[in-house]
């Protein structure tokens, strides 16, 4: 399955809303927080990789002109 950045961001937002609702038990808050952190790390990795690819494309274009 391919990584879906937008879907992951939505998931993080939903987790934040659940935590902020105050309706979760403390253990559930920690579990949800861990899931959100993992998703944030995936997003950061995706953005870093995308930025590197973009920089490489720009360098290639600059070298050709």
N, C-alpha and C. Protein backbone atom coordinates (compact mmCIF):
# COMPACT_ATOMS: atom_id res chain seq x y z
N UNK A 1 0.84 -1.19 0.00
CA UNK A 1 0.00 0.00 0.00
C UNK A 1 0.88 1.25 0.00
N UNK A 2 0.58 2.18 -0.87
CA UNK A 2 1.34 3.41 -1.00
C UNK A 2 0.97 4.39 0.12
N UNK A 3 1.97 5.12 0.60
CA UNK A 3 1.76 6.10 1.65
C UNK A 3 0.86 7.23 1.15
N UNK A 4 -0.13 7.59 1.94
CA UNK A 4 -1.06 8.67 1.59
C UNK A 4 -0.89 9.79 2.62
N UNK A 5 -0.14 10.82 2.22
CA UNK A 5 0.18 11.92 3.13
C UNK A 5 -1.09 12.60 3.67
N UNK A 6 -2.00 12.93 2.79
CA UNK A 6 -3.21 13.64 3.20
C UNK A 6 -4.03 12.82 4.17
N UNK A 7 -4.17 11.53 3.90
CA UNK A 7 -4.93 10.65 4.79
C UNK A 7 -4.25 10.55 6.16
N UNK A 8 -2.94 10.52 6.16
CA UNK A 8 -2.20 10.43 7.42
C UNK A 8 -2.39 11.71 8.24
N UNK A 9 -2.37 12.86 7.58
CA UNK A 9 -2.60 14.13 8.28
C UNK A 9 -4.01 14.15 8.88
N UNK A 10 -4.98 13.69 8.14
CA UNK A 10 -6.35 13.62 8.65
C UNK A 10 -6.40 12.72 9.88
N UNK A 11 -5.71 11.59 9.81
CA UNK A 11 -5.67 10.67 10.94
C UNK A 11 -5.06 11.34 12.17
N UNK A 12 -3.99 12.08 11.97
CA UNK A 12 -3.35 12.80 13.08
C UNK A 12 -4.33 13.81 13.68
N UNK A 13 -5.02 14.54 12.83
CA UNK A 13 -5.99 15.53 13.30
C UNK A 13 -7.11 14.86 14.12
N UNK A 14 -7.54 13.70 13.68
CA UNK A 14 -8.59 12.96 14.41
C UNK A 14 -8.07 12.50 15.77
N UNK A 15 -6.83 12.05 15.81
CA UNK A 15 -6.24 11.63 17.08
C UNK A 15 -6.15 12.82 18.04
N UNK A 16 -5.71 13.95 17.54
CA UNK A 16 -5.60 15.16 18.37
C UNK A 16 -6.96 15.53 18.93
N UNK A 17 -7.99 15.47 18.09
CA UNK A 17 -9.34 15.79 18.54
C UNK A 17 -9.80 14.83 19.64
N UNK A 18 -9.49 13.54 19.47
CA UNK A 18 -9.85 12.56 20.48
C UNK A 18 -9.15 12.85 21.81
N UNK A 19 -7.86 13.17 21.74
CA UNK A 19 -7.10 13.46 22.96
C UNK A 19 -7.65 14.72 23.62
N UNK A 20 -7.90 15.75 22.82
CA UNK A 20 -8.39 17.01 23.37
C UNK A 20 -9.81 16.92 23.91
N UNK A 21 -10.56 15.92 23.50
CA UNK A 21 -11.94 15.78 23.96
C UNK A 21 -12.01 15.51 25.46
N UNK A 22 -10.94 14.93 26.01
CA UNK A 22 -10.92 14.62 27.43
C UNK A 22 -11.71 13.38 27.80
N UNK A 23 -12.17 12.65 26.80
CA UNK A 23 -13.00 11.48 27.05
C UNK A 23 -12.22 10.17 27.11
N UNK A 24 -10.94 10.22 26.80
CA UNK A 24 -10.13 9.01 26.80
C UNK A 24 -9.51 8.77 28.18
N UNK A 25 -9.32 7.50 28.49
CA UNK A 25 -8.57 7.16 29.69
C UNK A 25 -7.11 7.50 29.44
N UNK A 26 -6.35 7.68 30.50
CA UNK A 26 -4.96 8.08 30.37
C UNK A 26 -4.17 7.09 29.51
N UNK A 27 -4.41 5.81 29.71
CA UNK A 27 -3.71 4.79 28.91
C UNK A 27 -4.02 4.96 27.43
N UNK A 28 -5.28 5.26 27.11
CA UNK A 28 -5.69 5.47 25.72
C UNK A 28 -5.02 6.72 25.14
N UNK A 29 -4.87 7.75 25.97
CA UNK A 29 -4.20 8.97 25.52
C UNK A 29 -2.78 8.65 25.10
N UNK A 30 -2.08 7.88 25.93
CA UNK A 30 -0.69 7.52 25.60
C UNK A 30 -0.62 6.68 24.32
N UNK A 31 -1.56 5.75 24.15
CA UNK A 31 -1.59 4.92 22.95
C UNK A 31 -1.84 5.78 21.71
N UNK A 32 -2.82 6.66 21.80
CA UNK A 32 -3.15 7.54 20.67
C UNK A 32 -1.98 8.48 20.37
N UNK A 33 -1.36 9.00 21.42
CA UNK A 33 -0.22 9.89 21.24
C UNK A 33 0.90 9.17 20.51
N UNK A 34 1.17 7.93 20.88
CA UNK A 34 2.21 7.14 20.21
C UNK A 34 1.89 6.93 18.74
N UNK A 35 0.63 6.68 18.43
CA UNK A 35 0.22 6.51 17.04
C UNK A 35 0.41 7.81 16.26
N UNK A 36 0.06 8.94 16.88
CA UNK A 36 0.22 10.23 16.22
C UNK A 36 1.69 10.54 15.97
N UNK A 37 2.54 10.23 16.93
CA UNK A 37 3.98 10.47 16.75
C UNK A 37 4.52 9.62 15.61
N UNK A 38 4.11 8.36 15.55
CA UNK A 38 4.54 7.48 14.46
C UNK A 38 4.09 8.03 13.11
N UNK A 39 2.85 8.51 13.05
CA UNK A 39 2.34 9.09 11.80
C UNK A 39 3.09 10.37 11.44
N UNK A 40 3.40 11.19 12.43
CA UNK A 40 4.16 12.41 12.18
C UNK A 40 5.55 12.08 11.63
N UNK A 41 6.15 11.04 12.14
CA UNK A 41 7.47 10.62 11.64
C UNK A 41 7.38 10.16 10.20
N UNK A 42 6.31 9.45 9.86
CA UNK A 42 6.10 9.02 8.47
C UNK A 42 5.94 10.23 7.56
N UNK A 43 5.18 11.23 8.02
CA UNK A 43 4.99 12.45 7.23
C UNK A 43 6.31 13.18 7.03
N UNK A 44 7.08 13.29 8.11
CA UNK A 44 8.36 13.98 8.01
C UNK A 44 9.29 13.26 7.02
N UNK A 45 9.32 11.95 7.09
CA UNK A 45 10.15 11.17 6.18
C UNK A 45 9.69 11.37 4.73
N UNK A 46 8.39 11.33 4.51
CA UNK A 46 7.83 11.54 3.18
C UNK A 46 8.20 12.91 2.64
N UNK A 47 8.05 13.94 3.47
CA UNK A 47 8.36 15.30 3.04
C UNK A 47 9.85 15.48 2.76
N UNK A 48 10.69 14.88 3.59
CA UNK A 48 12.13 14.96 3.39
C UNK A 48 12.52 14.30 2.07
N UNK A 49 11.99 13.11 1.83
CA UNK A 49 12.28 12.39 0.59
C UNK A 49 11.78 13.17 -0.62
N UNK A 50 10.60 13.74 -0.50
CA UNK A 50 10.03 14.52 -1.60
C UNK A 50 10.87 15.76 -1.88
N UNK A 51 11.34 16.41 -0.82
CA UNK A 51 12.18 17.59 -0.99
C UNK A 51 13.50 17.23 -1.67
N UNK A 52 14.08 16.10 -1.28
CA UNK A 52 15.32 15.65 -1.92
C UNK A 52 15.11 15.37 -3.40
N UNK A 53 13.99 14.75 -3.74
CA UNK A 53 13.68 14.47 -5.14
C UNK A 53 13.48 15.77 -5.92
N UNK A 54 12.81 16.73 -5.30
CA UNK A 54 12.59 18.03 -5.93
C UNK A 54 13.92 18.74 -6.15
N UNK A 55 14.78 18.72 -5.16
CA UNK A 55 16.09 19.36 -5.30
C UNK A 55 16.91 18.72 -6.42
N UNK A 56 16.85 17.41 -6.51
CA UNK A 56 17.56 16.71 -7.57
C UNK A 56 17.02 17.09 -8.95
N UNK A 57 15.70 17.19 -9.04
CA UNK A 57 15.08 17.60 -10.31
C UNK A 57 15.51 19.01 -10.70
N UNK A 58 15.55 19.90 -9.72
CA UNK A 58 15.96 21.28 -9.99
C UNK A 58 17.41 21.32 -10.43
N UNK A 59 18.27 20.56 -9.75
CA UNK A 59 19.68 20.52 -10.14
C UNK A 59 19.85 19.99 -11.56
N UNK A 60 19.09 18.97 -11.90
CA UNK A 60 19.14 18.39 -13.24
C UNK A 60 18.72 19.43 -14.28
N UNK A 61 17.65 20.16 -13.98
CA UNK A 61 17.20 21.19 -14.91
C UNK A 61 18.24 22.30 -15.06
N UNK A 62 18.83 22.71 -13.96
CA UNK A 62 19.85 23.76 -14.00
C UNK A 62 21.07 23.31 -14.80
N UNK A 63 21.44 22.05 -14.66
CA UNK A 63 22.60 21.52 -15.39
C UNK A 63 22.35 21.47 -16.90
N UNK A 64 21.08 21.32 -17.27
CA UNK A 64 20.74 21.21 -18.69
C UNK A 64 20.59 22.56 -19.38
N UNK A 65 20.60 23.63 -18.60
CA UNK A 65 20.41 24.96 -19.22
C UNK A 65 21.60 25.80 -19.04
